[in-house]
PDB file of all heavy atoms in Angstrom:
ATOM      1  N   ALA A   1      96.727 118.431  72.236  1.00  0.00           N
ATOM      2  CA  ALA A   1      95.595 118.955  71.467  1.00  0.00           C
ATOM      3  C   ALA A   1      95.253 120.385  71.874  1.00  0.00           C
ATOM      4  O   ALA A   1      94.924 121.215  71.033  1.00  0.00           O
ATOM      5  CB  ALA A   1      94.375 118.052  71.653  1.00  0.00           C
ATOM      6  N   ARG A   2      95.296 120.701  73.166  1.00  0.00           N
ATOM      7  CA  ARG A   2      94.963 122.049  73.638  1.00  0.00           C
ATOM      8  C   ARG A   2      96.034 122.561  74.605  1.00  0.00           C
ATOM      9  O   ARG A   2      95.801 122.715  75.808  1.00  0.00           O
ATOM     10  CB  ARG A   2      93.603 122.055  74.345  1.00  0.00           C
ATOM     11  CG  ARG A   2      92.392 121.924  73.455  1.00  0.00           C
ATOM     12  CD  ARG A   2      92.257 123.054  72.449  1.00  0.00           C
ATOM     13  NE  ARG A   2      92.215 124.375  73.013  1.00  0.00           N
ATOM     14  CZ  ARG A   2      91.086 125.016  73.353  1.00  0.00           C
ATOM     15  NH1 ARG A   2      89.914 124.414  73.191  1.00  0.00           N
ATOM     16  NH2 ARG A   2      91.137 126.242  73.833  1.00  0.00           N
ATOM     17  N   PRO A   3      97.233 122.839  74.099  1.00  0.00           N
ATOM     18  CA  PRO A   3      98.292 123.319  74.992  1.00  0.00           C
ATOM     19  C   PRO A   3      97.941 124.630  75.676  1.00  0.00           C
ATOM     20  O   PRO A   3      98.378 124.877  76.796  1.00  0.00           O
ATOM     21  CB  PRO A   3      99.495 123.486  74.049  1.00  0.00           C
ATOM     22  CG  PRO A   3      98.911 123.619  72.686  1.00  0.00           C
ATOM     23  CD  PRO A   3      97.685 122.772  72.692  1.00  0.00           C
ATOM     24  N   ASP A   4      97.124 125.476  75.019  1.00  0.00           N
ATOM     25  CA  ASP A   4      96.769 126.771  75.613  1.00  0.00           C
ATOM     26  C   ASP A   4      95.986 126.601  76.900  1.00  0.00           C
ATOM     27  O   ASP A   4      96.143 127.390  77.844  1.00  0.00           O
ATOM     28  CB  ASP A   4      95.970 127.602  74.614  1.00  0.00           C
ATOM     29  CG  ASP A   4      94.695 126.900  74.148  1.00  0.00           C
ATOM     30  OD1 ASP A   4      94.732 125.664  73.955  1.00  0.00           O
ATOM     31  OD2 ASP A   4      93.672 127.585  73.967  1.00  0.00           O
ATOM     32  N   VAL A   5      95.139 125.558  76.964  1.00  0.00           N
ATOM     33  CA  VAL A   5      94.316 125.332  78.156  1.00  0.00           C
ATOM     34  C   VAL A   5      95.197 124.996  79.358  1.00  0.00           C
ATOM     35  O   VAL A   5      95.068 125.590  80.437  1.00  0.00           O
ATOM     36  CB  VAL A   5      93.303 124.195  77.913  1.00  0.00           C
ATOM     37  CG1 VAL A   5      92.526 123.887  79.192  1.00  0.00           C
ATOM     38  CG2 VAL A   5      92.354 124.578  76.781  1.00  0.00           C
ATOM     39  N   TYR A   6      96.105 124.059  79.158  1.00  0.00           N
ATOM     40  CA  TYR A   6      96.969 123.635  80.259  1.00  0.00           C
ATOM     41  C   TYR A   6      97.977 124.727  80.631  1.00  0.00           C
ATOM     42  O   TYR A   6      98.302 124.904  81.811  1.00  0.00           O
ATOM     43  CB  TYR A   6      97.689 122.339  79.887  1.00  0.00           C
ATOM     44  CG  TYR A   6      96.763 121.145  79.855  1.00  0.00           C
ATOM     45  CD1 TYR A   6      96.127 120.765  78.685  1.00  0.00           C
ATOM     46  CD2 TYR A   6      96.495 120.418  81.015  1.00  0.00           C
ATOM     47  CE1 TYR A   6      95.258 119.685  78.651  1.00  0.00           C
ATOM     48  CE2 TYR A   6      95.637 119.336  80.995  1.00  0.00           C
ATOM     49  CZ  TYR A   6      95.010 118.972  79.805  1.00  0.00           C
ATOM     50  OH  TYR A   6      94.146 117.909  79.794  1.00  0.00           O
ATOM     51  N   ALA A   7      98.456 125.460  79.634  1.00  0.00           N
ATOM     52  CA  ALA A   7      99.390 126.551  79.915  1.00  0.00           C
ATOM     53  C   ALA A   7      98.715 127.608  80.781  1.00  0.00           C
ATOM     54  O   ALA A   7      99.290 128.104  81.754  1.00  0.00           O
ATOM     55  CB  ALA A   7      99.887 127.174  78.613  1.00  0.00           C
ATOM     56  N   THR A   8      97.470 127.950  80.448  1.00  0.00           N
ATOM     57  CA  THR A   8      96.742 128.962  81.210  1.00  0.00           C
ATOM     58  C   THR A   8      96.411 128.461  82.611  1.00  0.00           C
ATOM     59  O   THR A   8      96.500 129.227  83.591  1.00  0.00           O
ATOM     60  CB  THR A   8      95.447 129.359  80.471  1.00  0.00           C
ATOM     61  OG1 THR A   8      95.786 129.819  79.165  1.00  0.00           O
ATOM     62  CG2 THR A   8      94.715 130.465  81.210  1.00  0.00           C
ATOM     63  N   LEU A   9      96.040 127.199  82.733  1.00  0.00           N
ATOM     64  CA  LEU A   9      95.733 126.632  84.052  1.00  0.00           C
ATOM     65  C   LEU A   9      96.969 126.669  84.945  1.00  0.00           C
ATOM     66  O   LEU A   9      96.899 127.065  86.117  1.00  0.00           O
ATOM     67  CB  LEU A   9      95.223 125.192  83.897  1.00  0.00           C
ATOM     68  CG  LEU A   9      94.881 124.445  85.194  1.00  0.00           C
ATOM     69  CD1 LEU A   9      93.832 125.194  86.000  1.00  0.00           C
ATOM     70  CD2 LEU A   9      94.413 123.022  84.877  1.00  0.00           C
ATOM     71  N   GLY A  10      98.115 126.273  84.397  1.00  0.00           N
ATOM     72  CA  GLY A  10      99.343 126.301  85.186  1.00  0.00           C
ATOM     73  C   GLY A  10      99.722 127.705  85.602  1.00  0.00           C
ATOM     74  O   GLY A  10     100.155 127.946  86.737  1.00  0.00           O
ATOM     75  N   LYS A  11      99.563 128.677  84.690  1.00  0.00           N
ATOM     76  CA  LYS A  11      99.858 130.077  85.021  1.00  0.00           C
ATOM     77  C   LYS A  11      98.933 130.569  86.132  1.00  0.00           C
ATOM     78  O   LYS A  11      99.341 131.324  87.010  1.00  0.00           O
ATOM     79  CB  LYS A  11      99.691 130.952  83.778  1.00  0.00           C
ATOM     80  CG  LYS A  11     100.811 130.821  82.765  1.00  0.00           C
ATOM     81  CD  LYS A  11     100.532 131.643  81.534  1.00  0.00           C
ATOM     82  CE  LYS A  11     100.550 133.138  81.832  1.00  0.00           C
ATOM     83  NZ  LYS A  11     100.263 133.937  80.614  1.00  0.00           N
ATOM     84  N   ALA A  12      97.657 130.138  86.085  1.00  0.00           N
ATOM     85  CA  ALA A  12      96.706 130.544  87.125  1.00  0.00           C
ATOM     86  C   ALA A  12      97.094 129.950  88.476  1.00  0.00           C
ATOM     87  O   ALA A  12      96.983 130.613  89.514  1.00  0.00           O
ATOM     88  CB  ALA A  12      95.293 130.110  86.734  1.00  0.00           C
ATOM     89  N   TYR A  13      97.558 128.685  88.476  1.00  0.00           N
ATOM     90  CA  TYR A  13      98.053 128.087  89.720  1.00  0.00           C
ATOM     91  C   TYR A  13      99.196 128.943  90.298  1.00  0.00           C
ATOM     92  O   TYR A  13      99.204 129.277  91.482  1.00  0.00           O
ATOM     93  CB  TYR A  13      98.595 126.676  89.470  1.00  0.00           C
ATOM     94  CG  TYR A  13      97.560 125.596  89.270  1.00  0.00           C
ATOM     95  CD1 TYR A  13      97.829 124.503  88.435  1.00  0.00           C
ATOM     96  CD2 TYR A  13      96.330 125.635  89.915  1.00  0.00           C
ATOM     97  CE1 TYR A  13      96.894 123.491  88.241  1.00  0.00           C
ATOM     98  CE2 TYR A  13      95.392 124.629  89.729  1.00  0.00           C
ATOM     99  CZ  TYR A  13      95.683 123.558  88.887  1.00  0.00           C
ATOM    100  OH  TYR A  13      94.761 122.560  88.703  1.00  0.00           O
ATOM    101  N   ALA A  14     100.159 129.270  89.441  1.00  0.00           N
ATOM    102  CA  ALA A  14     101.330 130.028  89.897  1.00  0.00           C
ATOM    103  C   ALA A  14     100.928 131.403  90.410  1.00  0.00           C
ATOM    104  O   ALA A  14     101.405 131.858  91.453  1.00  0.00           O
ATOM    105  CB  ALA A  14     102.345 130.157  88.768  1.00  0.00           C
ATOM    106  N   ALA A  15     100.029 132.073  89.665  1.00  0.00           N
ATOM    107  CA  ALA A  15      99.625 133.427  90.046  1.00  0.00           C
ATOM    108  C   ALA A  15      98.812 133.441  91.330  1.00  0.00           C
ATOM    109  O   ALA A  15      98.760 134.462  92.023  1.00  0.00           O
ATOM    110  CB  ALA A  15      98.822 134.060  88.920  1.00  0.00           C
ATOM    111  N   SER A  16      98.179 132.312  91.658  1.00  0.00           N
ATOM    112  CA  SER A  16      97.387 132.253  92.891  1.00  0.00           C
ATOM    113  C   SER A  16      98.185 131.667  94.052  1.00  0.00           C
ATOM    114  O   SER A  16      97.622 131.244  95.057  1.00  0.00           O
ATOM    115  CB  SER A  16      96.109 131.438  92.662  1.00  0.00           C
ATOM    116  OG  SER A  16      96.427 130.113  92.258  1.00  0.00           O
ATOM    117  N   GLY A  17      99.512 131.624  93.922  1.00  0.00           N
ATOM    118  CA  GLY A  17     100.370 131.184  95.020  1.00  0.00           C
ATOM    119  C   GLY A  17     100.516 129.685  95.141  1.00  0.00           C
ATOM    120  O   GLY A  17     100.790 129.175  96.231  1.00  0.00           O
ATOM    121  N   GLN A  18     100.334 128.951  94.028  1.00  0.00           N
ATOM    122  CA  GLN A  18     100.484 127.494  94.049  1.00  0.00           C
ATOM    123  C   GLN A  18     101.531 127.046  93.021  1.00  0.00           C
ATOM    124  O   GLN A  18     101.216 126.285  92.102  1.00  0.00           O
ATOM    125  CB  GLN A  18      99.142 126.825  93.738  1.00  0.00           C
ATOM    126  CG  GLN A  18      98.002 127.252  94.646  1.00  0.00           C
ATOM    127  CD  GLN A  18      96.679 126.646  94.218  1.00  0.00           C
ATOM    128  OE1 GLN A  18      96.459 125.433  94.315  1.00  0.00           O
ATOM    129  NE2 GLN A  18      95.786 127.483  93.718  1.00  0.00           N
ATOM    130  N   PRO A  19     102.773 127.528  93.150  1.00  0.00           N
ATOM    131  CA  PRO A  19     103.789 127.200  92.137  1.00  0.00           C
ATOM    132  C   PRO A  19     104.091 125.710  92.040  1.00  0.00           C
ATOM    133  O   PRO A  19     104.430 125.214  90.964  1.00  0.00           O
ATOM    134  CB  PRO A  19     105.012 128.001  92.584  1.00  0.00           C
ATOM    135  CG  PRO A  19     104.800 128.249  94.040  1.00  0.00           C
ATOM    136  CD  PRO A  19     103.323 128.385  94.209  1.00  0.00           C
ATOM    137  N   LYS A  20     103.974 124.978  93.150  1.00  0.00           N
ATOM    138  CA  LYS A  20     104.247 123.534  93.099  1.00  0.00           C
ATOM    139  C   LYS A  20     103.248 122.819  92.204  1.00  0.00           C
ATOM    140  O   LYS A  20     103.613 121.916  91.439  1.00  0.00           O
ATOM    141  CB  LYS A  20     104.217 122.939  94.507  1.00  0.00           C
ATOM    142  CG  LYS A  20     105.426 123.331  95.354  1.00  0.00           C
ATOM    143  CD  LYS A  20     105.402 122.641  96.699  1.00  0.00           C
ATOM    144  CE  LYS A  20     106.617 123.031  97.540  1.00  0.00           C
ATOM    145  NZ  LYS A  20     106.585 122.396  98.874  1.00  0.00           N
ATOM    146  N   ARG A  21     101.963 123.219  92.281  1.00  0.00           N
ATOM    147  CA  ARG A  21     100.953 122.622  91.406  1.00  0.00           C
ATOM    148  C   ARG A  21     101.253 122.963  89.947  1.00  0.00           C
ATOM    149  O   ARG A  21     101.038 122.140  89.051  1.00  0.00           O
ATOM    150  CB  ARG A  21      99.557 123.123  91.774  1.00  0.00           C
ATOM    151  CG  ARG A  21      99.023 122.594  93.088  1.00  0.00           C
ATOM    152  CD  ARG A  21      97.573 122.991  93.289  1.00  0.00           C
ATOM    153  NE  ARG A  21      96.684 122.226  92.430  1.00  0.00           N
ATOM    154  CZ  ARG A  21      95.371 122.422  92.364  1.00  0.00           C
ATOM    155  NH1 ARG A  21      94.798 123.383  93.095  1.00  0.00           N
ATOM    156  NH2 ARG A  21      94.617 121.693  91.566  1.00  0.00           N
ATOM    157  N   ALA A  22     101.745 124.182  89.727  1.00  0.00           N
ATOM    158  CA  ALA A  22     102.103 124.588  88.363  1.00  0.00           C
ATOM    159  C   ALA A  22     103.238 123.727  87.829  1.00  0.00           C
ATOM    160  O   ALA A  22     103.187 123.243  86.685  1.00  0.00           O
ATOM    161  CB  ALA A  22     102.493 126.066  88.341  1.00  0.00           C
ATOM    162  N   VAL A  23     104.274 123.517  88.641  1.00  0.00           N
ATOM    163  CA  VAL A  23     105.407 122.685  88.219  1.00  0.00           C
ATOM    164  C   VAL A  23     104.937 121.276  87.902  1.00  0.00           C
ATOM    165  O   VAL A  23     105.292 120.698  86.868  1.00  0.00           O
ATOM    166  CB  VAL A  23     106.499 122.662  89.308  1.00  0.00           C
ATOM    167  CG1 VAL A  23     107.535 121.588  89.011  1.00  0.00           C
ATOM    168  CG2 VAL A  23     107.186 124.022  89.415  1.00  0.00           C
ATOM    169  N   GLU A  24     104.116 120.701  88.777  1.00  0.00           N
ATOM    170  CA  GLU A  24     103.628 119.328  88.562  1.00  0.00           C
ATOM    171  C   GLU A  24     102.810 119.228  87.280  1.00  0.00           C
ATOM    172  O   GLU A  24     102.950 118.273  86.505  1.00  0.00           O
ATOM    173  CB  GLU A  24     102.793 118.884  89.765  1.00  0.00           C
ATOM    174  CG  GLU A  24     103.626 118.668  91.031  1.00  0.00           C
ATOM    175  CD  GLU A  24     102.763 118.528  92.278  1.00  0.00           C
ATOM    176  OE1 GLU A  24     101.511 118.589  92.140  1.00  0.00           O
ATOM    177  OE2 GLU A  24     103.325 118.377  93.382  1.00  0.00           O
ATOM    178  N   LEU A  25     101.936 120.221  87.037  1.00  0.00           N
ATOM    179  CA  LEU A  25     101.110 120.207  85.838  1.00  0.00           C
ATOM    180  C   LEU A  25     101.965 120.298  84.575  1.00  0.00           C
ATOM    181  O   LEU A  25     101.787 119.530  83.625  1.00  0.00           O
ATOM    182  CB  LEU A  25     100.104 121.363  85.871  1.00  0.00           C
ATOM    183  CG  LEU A  25      99.231 121.509  84.628  1.00  0.00           C
ATOM    184  CD1 LEU A  25      98.267 120.331  84.515  1.00  0.00           C
ATOM    185  CD2 LEU A  25      98.458 122.821  84.645  1.00  0.00           C
ATOM    186  N   PHE A  26     102.913 121.244  84.558  1.00  0.00           N
ATOM    187  CA  PHE A  26     103.729 121.442  83.365  1.00  0.00           C
ATOM    188  C   PHE A  26     104.656 120.246  83.111  1.00  0.00           C
ATOM    189  O   PHE A  26     104.938 119.907  81.958  1.00  0.00           O
ATOM    190  CB  PHE A  26     104.543 122.733  83.475  1.00  0.00           C
ATOM    191  CG  PHE A  26     103.692 123.973  83.439  1.00  0.00           C
ATOM    192  CD1 PHE A  26     103.969 125.056  84.257  1.00  0.00           C
ATOM    193  CD2 PHE A  26     102.600 124.054  82.593  1.00  0.00           C
ATOM    194  CE1 PHE A  26     103.184 126.192  84.219  1.00  0.00           C
ATOM    195  CE2 PHE A  26     101.806 125.191  82.542  1.00  0.00           C
ATOM    196  CZ  PHE A  26     102.097 126.262  83.366  1.00  0.00           C
TER     197      PHE A  26
END
């Protein structure tokens, strides 16, 4: 329903040095 929300959250995880959280979310 809101892919933009999750895409932005994952990008924020990655940009803040949490790539593993980004991978898990995506």
